[in-house]
Amino acid sequence: MSVNIRKGDNVVVTTGRDKGKKGSVLKVFPKENRALVQGVNVVKRHQRQTQSQQAGIVTKESPIHLSNIAHVDPKSGKATRIGSKTLSDGRKVRFAKKSGEVIDV
């Protein structure tokens, strides 16, 4: 299965506890169908003290399933699906289906 979401994409959460939150994709895990989104699915972990880090409760992002996030339309700022097309110069780019705006630069 190919993944339409890449690192650096702006996405919005469509379902779950963080519904409506927007963020940038930090990392994608294609084998698990999950992505790490900035400021979304934040959990608290008890961190043990190491040489470089102090002990305490640390908040960090947890991966979210790809089916629960959607691309943000560059024009309207709402969720949109993604299509791909080939430009006249031969480049293959992704575009937002709602507005037709090209996502890849």
N, C-alpha and C. Protein backbone atom coordinates (compact mmCIF):
# COMPACT_ATOMS: atom_id res chain seq x y z
N MET A 1 0.84 -1.20 0.00
CA MET A 1 0.00 0.00 0.00
C MET A 1 0.88 1.25 0.00
N SER A 2 0.60 2.18 -0.90
CA SER A 2 1.39 3.41 -0.95
C SER A 2 0.83 4.43 0.04
N VAL A 3 1.71 5.22 0.59
CA VAL A 3 1.33 6.22 1.59
C VAL A 3 1.35 7.59 0.94
N ASN A 4 0.22 8.32 1.02
CA ASN A 4 0.13 9.65 0.44
C ASN A 4 0.72 10.73 1.33
N ILE A 5 0.93 10.42 2.60
CA ILE A 5 1.40 11.40 3.56
C ILE A 5 2.91 11.29 3.69
N ARG A 6 3.59 12.43 3.63
CA ARG A 6 5.03 12.47 3.73
C ARG A 6 5.46 13.41 4.84
N LYS A 7 6.71 13.30 5.22
CA LYS A 7 7.28 14.18 6.25
C LYS A 7 7.17 15.64 5.80
N GLY A 8 6.72 16.50 6.70
CA GLY A 8 6.59 17.92 6.38
C GLY A 8 5.22 18.34 5.90
N ASP A 9 4.33 17.38 5.59
CA ASP A 9 2.97 17.71 5.15
C ASP A 9 2.16 18.30 6.30
N ASN A 10 1.25 19.21 5.96
CA ASN A 10 0.31 19.74 6.95
C ASN A 10 -0.94 18.89 6.91
N VAL A 11 -1.33 18.36 8.09
CA VAL A 11 -2.48 17.47 8.17
C VAL A 11 -3.43 17.93 9.26
N VAL A 12 -4.68 17.42 9.19
CA VAL A 12 -5.69 17.67 10.21
C VAL A 12 -6.21 16.32 10.69
N VAL A 13 -6.50 16.22 11.99
CA VAL A 13 -7.01 14.98 12.57
C VAL A 13 -8.51 14.93 12.33
N THR A 14 -9.00 13.82 11.76
CA THR A 14 -10.42 13.71 11.39
C THR A 14 -11.26 13.03 12.46
N THR A 15 -10.67 12.13 13.27
CA THR A 15 -11.44 11.44 14.30
C THR A 15 -10.60 11.28 15.55
N GLY A 16 -11.27 10.99 16.65
CA GLY A 16 -10.56 10.69 17.89
C GLY A 16 -10.49 11.86 18.84
N ARG A 17 -9.67 11.69 19.86
CA ARG A 17 -9.55 12.66 20.95
C ARG A 17 -9.07 14.02 20.47
N ASP A 18 -8.22 14.04 19.46
CA ASP A 18 -7.64 15.30 18.96
C ASP A 18 -8.30 15.78 17.68
N LYS A 19 -9.56 15.44 17.46
CA LYS A 19 -10.27 15.81 16.22
C LYS A 19 -10.22 17.32 16.01
N GLY A 20 -9.86 17.71 14.79
CA GLY A 20 -9.81 19.13 14.43
C GLY A 20 -8.44 19.76 14.59
N LYS A 21 -7.54 19.11 15.30
CA LYS A 21 -6.20 19.68 15.49
C LYS A 21 -5.40 19.56 14.20
N LYS A 22 -4.59 20.60 13.94
CA LYS A 22 -3.74 20.60 12.76
C LYS A 22 -2.29 20.54 13.20
N GLY A 23 -1.46 19.95 12.37
CA GLY A 23 -0.05 19.86 12.69
C GLY A 23 0.76 19.41 11.50
N SER A 24 2.06 19.45 11.68
CA SER A 24 2.98 19.04 10.63
C SER A 24 3.47 17.63 10.91
N VAL A 25 3.64 16.83 9.86
CA VAL A 25 4.09 15.45 10.02
C VAL A 25 5.60 15.45 10.30
N LEU A 26 5.99 14.85 11.42
CA LEU A 26 7.40 14.77 11.81
C LEU A 26 8.06 13.52 11.24
N LYS A 27 7.33 12.40 11.23
CA LYS A 27 7.88 11.13 10.76
C LYS A 27 6.74 10.23 10.32
N VAL A 28 6.99 9.39 9.31
CA VAL A 28 5.98 8.45 8.82
C VAL A 28 6.52 7.03 9.00
N PHE A 29 5.65 6.14 9.49
CA PHE A 29 5.99 4.73 9.65
C PHE A 29 5.12 3.93 8.68
N PRO A 30 5.57 3.72 7.42
CA PRO A 30 4.73 3.09 6.40
C PRO A 30 4.34 1.65 6.72
N LYS A 31 5.23 0.89 7.37
CA LYS A 31 4.90 -0.50 7.67
C LYS A 31 3.78 -0.62 8.69
N GLU A 32 3.72 0.33 9.63
CA GLU A 32 2.66 0.30 10.65
C GLU A 32 1.45 1.16 10.26
N ASN A 33 1.50 1.84 9.10
CA ASN A 33 0.45 2.76 8.66
C ASN A 33 0.19 3.85 9.70
N ARG A 34 1.26 4.41 10.25
CA ARG A 34 1.14 5.43 11.27
C ARG A 34 2.06 6.61 10.95
N ALA A 35 1.73 7.76 11.56
CA ALA A 35 2.57 8.95 11.39
C ALA A 35 2.66 9.69 12.71
N LEU A 36 3.77 10.38 12.90
CA LEU A 36 3.99 11.21 14.08
C LEU A 36 3.68 12.64 13.68
N VAL A 37 2.66 13.24 14.33
CA VAL A 37 2.22 14.59 13.99
C VAL A 37 2.51 15.51 15.16
N GLN A 38 3.06 16.69 14.86
CA GLN A 38 3.45 17.64 15.89
C GLN A 38 2.23 18.15 16.67
N GLY A 39 2.25 17.99 18.00
CA GLY A 39 1.19 18.50 18.87
C GLY A 39 -0.07 17.66 18.90
N VAL A 40 -0.06 16.47 18.29
CA VAL A 40 -1.24 15.62 18.22
C VAL A 40 -0.95 14.30 18.90
N ASN A 41 -1.95 13.74 19.60
CA ASN A 41 -1.84 12.46 20.30
C ASN A 41 -0.70 12.53 21.33
N VAL A 42 -0.71 13.59 22.14
CA VAL A 42 0.34 13.81 23.13
C VAL A 42 0.06 12.94 24.35
N VAL A 43 1.09 12.20 24.78
CA VAL A 43 0.98 11.31 25.95
C VAL A 43 2.07 11.68 26.96
N LYS A 44 1.86 11.28 28.22
CA LYS A 44 2.86 11.52 29.26
C LYS A 44 3.55 10.22 29.58
N ARG A 45 4.85 10.28 29.68
CA ARG A 45 5.66 9.11 29.99
C ARG A 45 6.55 9.41 31.18
N HIS A 46 6.70 8.44 32.08
CA HIS A 46 7.62 8.59 33.21
C HIS A 46 9.02 8.25 32.70
N GLN A 47 9.91 9.23 32.77
CA GLN A 47 11.25 9.08 32.22
C GLN A 47 12.24 8.79 33.34
N ARG A 48 13.03 7.77 33.17
CA ARG A 48 14.07 7.44 34.12
C ARG A 48 15.28 8.34 33.87
N GLN A 49 16.02 8.66 34.90
CA GLN A 49 17.17 9.55 34.75
C GLN A 49 18.30 8.86 34.01
N THR A 50 18.88 9.59 33.05
CA THR A 50 20.05 9.10 32.33
C THR A 50 21.16 10.14 32.47
N GLN A 51 22.30 9.89 31.86
CA GLN A 51 23.40 10.85 31.96
C GLN A 51 23.06 12.19 31.33
N SER A 52 22.27 12.15 30.27
CA SER A 52 21.96 13.38 29.54
C SER A 52 20.60 13.97 29.89
N GLN A 53 19.72 13.20 30.53
CA GLN A 53 18.35 13.67 30.76
C GLN A 53 17.94 13.50 32.22
N GLN A 54 17.21 14.50 32.71
CA GLN A 54 16.71 14.48 34.08
C GLN A 54 15.50 13.56 34.17
N ALA A 55 15.28 12.97 35.35
CA ALA A 55 14.11 12.12 35.56
C ALA A 55 12.86 12.98 35.70
N GLY A 56 11.70 12.42 35.40
CA GLY A 56 10.45 13.15 35.55
C GLY A 56 9.42 12.68 34.55
N ILE A 57 8.31 13.41 34.49
CA ILE A 57 7.23 13.07 33.56
C ILE A 57 7.43 13.89 32.29
N VAL A 58 7.57 13.20 31.18
CA VAL A 58 7.85 13.85 29.89
C VAL A 58 6.61 13.73 29.00
N THR A 59 6.24 14.81 28.33
CA THR A 59 5.14 14.75 27.36
C THR A 59 5.75 14.65 25.97
N LYS A 60 5.22 13.71 25.18
CA LYS A 60 5.72 13.54 23.81
C LYS A 60 4.59 13.06 22.92
N GLU A 61 4.80 13.22 21.61
CA GLU A 61 3.80 12.78 20.64
C GLU A 61 3.89 11.27 20.45
N SER A 62 2.74 10.67 20.22
CA SER A 62 2.66 9.25 19.93
C SER A 62 2.15 9.11 18.50
N PRO A 63 2.56 8.06 17.77
CA PRO A 63 2.09 7.91 16.39
C PRO A 63 0.57 7.75 16.30
N ILE A 64 0.00 8.29 15.24
CA ILE A 64 -1.45 8.22 15.00
C ILE A 64 -1.67 7.48 13.68
N HIS A 65 -2.76 6.74 13.58
CA HIS A 65 -3.02 5.94 12.39
C HIS A 65 -3.32 6.86 11.20
N LEU A 66 -2.84 6.44 10.02
CA LEU A 66 -2.99 7.27 8.81
C LEU A 66 -4.45 7.47 8.42
N SER A 67 -5.33 6.52 8.79
CA SER A 67 -6.74 6.66 8.43
C SER A 67 -7.42 7.76 9.23
N ASN A 68 -6.79 8.23 10.31
CA ASN A 68 -7.38 9.25 11.15
C ASN A 68 -6.87 10.66 10.86
N ILE A 69 -6.05 10.81 9.83
CA ILE A 69 -5.56 12.14 9.46
C ILE A 69 -5.78 12.37 7.97
N ALA A 70 -5.93 13.64 7.61
CA ALA A 70 -6.13 14.01 6.21
C ALA A 70 -5.31 15.26 5.91
N HIS A 71 -4.94 15.44 4.66
CA HIS A 71 -4.20 16.63 4.25
C HIS A 71 -5.04 17.88 4.45
N VAL A 72 -4.36 19.00 4.70
CA VAL A 72 -5.03 20.29 4.80
C VAL A 72 -4.98 20.95 3.43
N ASP A 73 -6.15 21.41 2.95
CA ASP A 73 -6.22 22.10 1.66
C ASP A 73 -5.48 23.44 1.79
N PRO A 74 -4.52 23.73 0.89
CA PRO A 74 -3.77 24.99 0.99
C PRO A 74 -4.65 26.24 0.87
N LYS A 75 -5.77 26.15 0.13
CA LYS A 75 -6.64 27.32 -0.04
C LYS A 75 -7.60 27.51 1.13
N SER A 76 -8.40 26.47 1.44
CA SER A 76 -9.46 26.61 2.44
C SER A 76 -9.02 26.25 3.85
N GLY A 77 -7.98 25.45 4.00
CA GLY A 77 -7.55 25.03 5.33
C GLY A 77 -8.34 23.87 5.89
N LYS A 78 -9.20 23.26 5.07
CA LYS A 78 -10.01 22.13 5.51
C LYS A 78 -9.40 20.83 4.99
N ALA A 79 -9.93 19.69 5.49
CA ALA A 79 -9.42 18.38 5.08
C ALA A 79 -9.74 18.12 3.61
N THR A 80 -8.81 17.49 2.92
CA THR A 80 -9.00 17.17 1.51
C THR A 80 -8.32 15.85 1.19
N ARG A 81 -8.77 15.23 0.09
CA ARG A 81 -8.09 14.04 -0.40
C ARG A 81 -6.99 14.47 -1.36
N ILE A 82 -6.12 13.52 -1.70
CA ILE A 82 -4.95 13.82 -2.52
C ILE A 82 -5.02 13.03 -3.82
N GLY A 83 -4.69 13.70 -4.91
CA GLY A 83 -4.56 13.03 -6.20
C GLY A 83 -3.18 13.30 -6.74
N SER A 84 -2.79 12.59 -7.80
CA SER A 84 -1.49 12.86 -8.41
C SER A 84 -1.69 13.09 -9.90
N LYS A 85 -0.89 13.98 -10.44
CA LYS A 85 -0.95 14.26 -11.88
C LYS A 85 0.44 14.60 -12.37
N THR A 86 0.62 14.49 -13.67
CA THR A 86 1.90 14.81 -14.29
C THR A 86 1.79 16.18 -14.95
N LEU A 87 2.72 17.06 -14.62
CA LEU A 87 2.72 18.40 -15.19
C LEU A 87 3.30 18.37 -16.61
N SER A 88 3.19 19.51 -17.30
CA SER A 88 3.66 19.58 -18.69
C SER A 88 5.17 19.39 -18.81
N ASP A 89 5.92 19.73 -17.74
CA ASP A 89 7.37 19.54 -17.79
C ASP A 89 7.80 18.14 -17.39
N GLY A 90 6.82 17.24 -17.12
CA GLY A 90 7.13 15.85 -16.84
C GLY A 90 7.23 15.49 -15.36
N ARG A 91 7.08 16.49 -14.48
CA ARG A 91 7.14 16.20 -13.04
C ARG A 91 5.81 15.61 -12.56
N LYS A 92 5.89 14.61 -11.67
CA LYS A 92 4.69 14.02 -11.07
C LYS A 92 4.49 14.70 -9.72
N VAL A 93 3.33 15.33 -9.53
CA VAL A 93 3.07 16.08 -8.30
C VAL A 93 1.75 15.63 -7.67
N ARG A 94 1.62 15.92 -6.37
CA ARG A 94 0.36 15.66 -5.65
C ARG A 94 -0.45 16.95 -5.62
N PHE A 95 -1.78 16.80 -5.72
CA PHE A 95 -2.63 17.98 -5.67
C PHE A 95 -3.84 17.72 -4.78
N ALA A 96 -4.40 18.80 -4.23
CA ALA A 96 -5.58 18.71 -3.37
C ALA A 96 -6.80 18.57 -4.25
N LYS A 97 -7.64 17.57 -3.97
CA LYS A 97 -8.81 17.33 -4.84
C LYS A 97 -9.87 18.40 -4.69
N LYS A 98 -9.97 19.07 -3.52
CA LYS A 98 -11.00 20.09 -3.33
C LYS A 98 -10.72 21.33 -4.15
N SER A 99 -9.48 21.84 -4.09
CA SER A 99 -9.18 23.12 -4.76
C SER A 99 -8.36 22.93 -6.05
N GLY A 100 -7.73 21.78 -6.22
CA GLY A 100 -6.87 21.57 -7.38
C GLY A 100 -5.49 22.15 -7.20
N GLU A 101 -5.21 22.68 -6.02
CA GLU A 101 -3.93 23.30 -5.71
C GLU A 101 -2.82 22.24 -5.59
N VAL A 102 -1.65 22.51 -6.16
CA VAL A 102 -0.53 21.57 -6.10
C VAL A 102 0.10 21.63 -4.71
N ILE A 103 0.34 20.45 -4.12
CA ILE A 103 0.93 20.39 -2.77
C ILE A 103 2.45 20.34 -2.83
N ASP A 104 3.01 19.55 -3.75
CA ASP A 104 4.46 19.46 -3.88
C ASP A 104 4.99 20.73 -4.52
N VAL A 105 6.14 21.17 -4.04
CA VAL A 105 6.73 22.40 -4.60
C VAL A 105 7.88 22.07 -5.51
